[in-house]
């Protein structure tokens, strides 16, 4: 799988998230968001590529804010493994409200 090896910087691996296997898995996320948040995304529904980019940005923010080289190391990492769909949904809603997405 492309990009599955760990990066030394600790940041997210964009080739992994934009790869075909991950894109196929993000298709379920995309359809779930379309079903449950229809009123927010009906004008401009997210694609699997845009969701992959959003996840990479979220993971990079997490690494910058809470990682090894964070300015305030007292904070811990966000538990993305718990409810990753909820995290992505909240990000999509936030971006929709900010008219960025």
C-alpha atoms as a PDB file:
ATOM      1  CA  UNK A   1       0.000   0.000   0.000  1.00  0.00           C
ATOM      2  CA  UNK A   2       1.442   3.348  -0.994  1.00  0.00           C
ATOM      3  CA  UNK A   3       2.293   5.655   1.846  1.00  0.00           C
ATOM      4  CA  UNK A   4       1.591   3.129   4.588  1.00  0.00           C
ATOM      5  CA  UNK A   5       5.081   3.470   6.054  1.00  0.00           C
ATOM      6  CA  UNK A   6       5.452   5.835   8.999  1.00  0.00           C
ATOM      7  CA  UNK A   7       6.866   9.283   8.390  1.00  0.00           C
ATOM      8  CA  UNK A   8       9.751  10.429  10.524  1.00  0.00           C
ATOM      9  CA  UNK A   9       8.162  13.864  10.978  1.00  0.00           C
ATOM     10  CA  UNK A  10       5.100  12.334  12.596  1.00  0.00           C
ATOM     11  CA  UNK A  11       2.754  14.121  10.198  1.00  0.00           C
ATOM     12  CA  UNK A  12       0.041  12.489   8.104  1.00  0.00           C
ATOM     13  CA  UNK A  13       0.870  10.616   4.927  1.00  0.00           C
ATOM     14  CA  UNK A  14      -1.050  12.356   2.135  1.00  0.00           C
ATOM     15  CA  UNK A  15      -0.368   9.600  -0.455  1.00  0.00           C
ATOM     16  CA  UNK A  16      -1.994   7.074   1.891  1.00  0.00           C
ATOM     17  CA  UNK A  17      -5.136   9.168   2.390  1.00  0.00           C
ATOM     18  CA  UNK A  18      -5.406   9.966  -1.325  1.00  0.00           C
ATOM     19  CA  UNK A  19      -4.755   6.361  -2.396  1.00  0.00           C
ATOM     20  CA  UNK A  20      -7.429   4.243  -4.105  1.00  0.00           C
ATOM     21  CA  UNK A  21      -7.950   1.867  -1.145  1.00  0.00           C
ATOM     22  CA  UNK A  22      -8.533   4.704   1.295  1.00  0.00           C
ATOM     23  CA  UNK A  23     -10.699   6.570  -1.222  1.00  0.00           C
ATOM     24  CA  UNK A  24     -12.912   3.491  -1.481  1.00  0.00           C
ATOM     25  CA  UNK A  25     -13.305   3.467   2.296  1.00  0.00           C
ATOM     26  CA  UNK A  26     -14.011   7.208   2.383  1.00  0.00           C
ATOM     27  CA  UNK A  27     -16.868   6.616  -0.053  1.00  0.00           C
ATOM     28  CA  UNK A  28     -18.875   5.176   2.855  1.00  0.00           C
ATOM     29  CA  UNK A  29     -18.091   8.299   4.897  1.00  0.00           C
ATOM     30  CA  UNK A  30     -19.124  10.535   1.994  1.00  0.00           C
ATOM     31  CA  UNK A  31     -22.463   8.762   1.591  1.00  0.00           C
ATOM     32  CA  UNK A  32     -23.068   8.828   5.364  1.00  0.00           C
ATOM     33  CA  UNK A  33     -22.447  12.585   5.472  1.00  0.00           C
ATOM     34  CA  UNK A  34     -24.756  13.047   2.487  1.00  0.00           C
ATOM     35  CA  UNK A  35     -27.482  11.045   4.210  1.00  0.00           C
ATOM     36  CA  UNK A  36     -27.254  12.538   7.710  1.00  0.00           C
ATOM     37  CA  UNK A  37     -26.208  16.112   6.912  1.00  0.00           C
ATOM     38  CA  UNK A  38     -28.130  16.592   3.690  1.00  0.00           C
ATOM     39  CA  UNK A  39     -29.264  20.148   4.402  1.00  0.00           C
ATOM     40  CA  UNK A  40     -25.664  21.254   4.966  1.00  0.00           C
ATOM     41  CA  UNK A  41     -24.045  19.584   1.968  1.00  0.00           C
ATOM     42  CA  UNK A  42     -26.793  19.380  -0.649  1.00  0.00           C
ATOM     43  CA  UNK A  43     -25.509  22.435  -2.540  1.00  0.00           C
ATOM     44  CA  UNK A  44     -21.919  21.182  -2.725  1.00  0.00           C
ATOM     45  CA  UNK A  45     -21.511  17.569  -1.647  1.00  0.00           C
ATOM     46  CA  UNK A  46     -17.985  16.556  -0.589  1.00  0.00           C
ATOM     47  CA  UNK A  47     -15.963  14.203  -2.768  1.00  0.00           C
ATOM     48  CA  UNK A  48     -13.739  11.445  -1.457  1.00  0.00           C
ATOM     49  CA  UNK A  49     -10.702  13.478  -2.537  1.00  0.00           C
ATOM     50  CA  UNK A  50     -11.860  16.530  -0.579  1.00  0.00           C
ATOM     51  CA  UNK A  51     -12.587  14.343   2.470  1.00  0.00           C
ATOM     52  CA  UNK A  52      -9.090  12.867   2.207  1.00  0.00           C
ATOM     53  CA  UNK A  53      -7.651  16.381   2.122  1.00  0.00           C
ATOM     54  CA  UNK A  54      -9.749  17.330   5.135  1.00  0.00           C
ATOM     55  CA  UNK A  55      -8.505  14.319   7.102  1.00  0.00           C
ATOM     56  CA  UNK A  56      -4.891  15.173   6.206  1.00  0.00           C
ATOM     57  CA  UNK A  57      -5.443  18.753   7.389  1.00  0.00           C
ATOM     58  CA  UNK A  58      -7.082  17.546  10.607  1.00  0.00           C
ATOM     59  CA  UNK A  59      -4.239  15.122  11.335  1.00  0.00           C
ATOM     60  CA  UNK A  60      -1.629  17.781  10.528  1.00  0.00           C
ATOM     61  CA  UNK A  61      -3.340  20.224  12.889  1.00  0.00           C
ATOM     62  CA  UNK A  62      -3.392  17.540  15.561  1.00  0.00           C
ATOM     63  CA  UNK A  63       0.314  16.880  15.061  1.00  0.00           C
ATOM     64  CA  UNK A  64       1.173  20.607  15.095  1.00  0.00           C
ATOM     65  CA  UNK A  65      -0.939  21.358  18.171  1.00  0.00           C
ATOM     66  CA  UNK A  66      -0.413  18.216  20.222  1.00  0.00           C
ATOM     67  CA  UNK A  67       2.565  16.355  18.715  1.00  0.00           C
ATOM     68  CA  UNK A  68       6.146  15.897  19.840  1.00  0.00           C
ATOM     69  CA  UNK A  69       7.205  19.348  18.668  1.00  0.00           C
ATOM     70  CA  UNK A  70       4.143  21.175  20.004  1.00  0.00           C
ATOM     71  CA  UNK A  71       4.639  24.462  21.815  1.00  0.00           C
ATOM     72  CA  UNK A  72       2.437  23.291  24.695  1.00  0.00           C
ATOM     73  CA  UNK A  73       3.255  19.597  25.256  1.00  0.00           C
ATOM     74  CA  UNK A  74       0.980  19.404  28.296  1.00  0.00           C
ATOM     75  CA  UNK A  75      -1.975  18.728  26.021  1.00  0.00           C
ATOM     76  CA  UNK A  76      -2.641  15.225  24.758  1.00  0.00           C
ATOM     77  CA  UNK A  77      -3.640  14.042  21.304  1.00  0.00           C
ATOM     78  CA  UNK A  78      -7.274  13.942  20.304  1.00  0.00           C
ATOM     79  CA  UNK A  79      -8.705  10.410  20.251  1.00  0.00           C
ATOM     80  CA  UNK A  80      -9.375  10.227  16.518  1.00  0.00           C
ATOM     81  CA  UNK A  81      -9.774   6.466  16.727  1.00  0.00           C
ATOM     82  CA  UNK A  82     -12.939   7.079  18.732  1.00  0.00           C
ATOM     83  CA  UNK A  83     -15.645   8.144  16.317  1.00  0.00           C
ATOM     84  CA  UNK A  84     -13.550   9.218  13.303  1.00  0.00           C
ATOM     85  CA  UNK A  85     -16.748   9.699  11.326  1.00  0.00           C
ATOM     86  CA  UNK A  86     -17.965  12.210  13.899  1.00  0.00           C
ATOM     87  CA  UNK A  87     -14.690  14.144  13.688  1.00  0.00           C
ATOM     88  CA  UNK A  88     -14.907  14.350   9.906  1.00  0.00           C
ATOM     89  CA  UNK A  89     -18.599  15.301  10.081  1.00  0.00           C
ATOM     90  CA  UNK A  90     -17.905  18.137  12.487  1.00  0.00           C
ATOM     91  CA  UNK A  91     -15.085  19.379  10.251  1.00  0.00           C
ATOM     92  CA  UNK A  92     -17.341  19.327   7.187  1.00  0.00           C
ATOM     93  CA  UNK A  93     -20.074  21.219   9.028  1.00  0.00           C
ATOM     94  CA  UNK A  94     -17.581  23.786  10.274  1.00  0.00           C
ATOM     95  CA  UNK A  95     -16.182  24.343   6.796  1.00  0.00           C
ATOM     96  CA  UNK A  96     -19.711  24.634   5.371  1.00  0.00           C
ATOM     97  CA  UNK A  97     -20.588  27.283   7.955  1.00  0.00           C
ATOM     98  CA  UNK A  98     -17.399  29.181   7.154  1.00  0.00           C
ATOM     99  CA  UNK A  99     -18.183  28.948   3.404  1.00  0.00           C
ATOM    100  CA  UNK A 100     -14.747  27.477   2.819  1.00  0.00           C
ATOM    101  CA  UNK A 101     -15.836  24.083   1.589  1.00  0.00           C
END
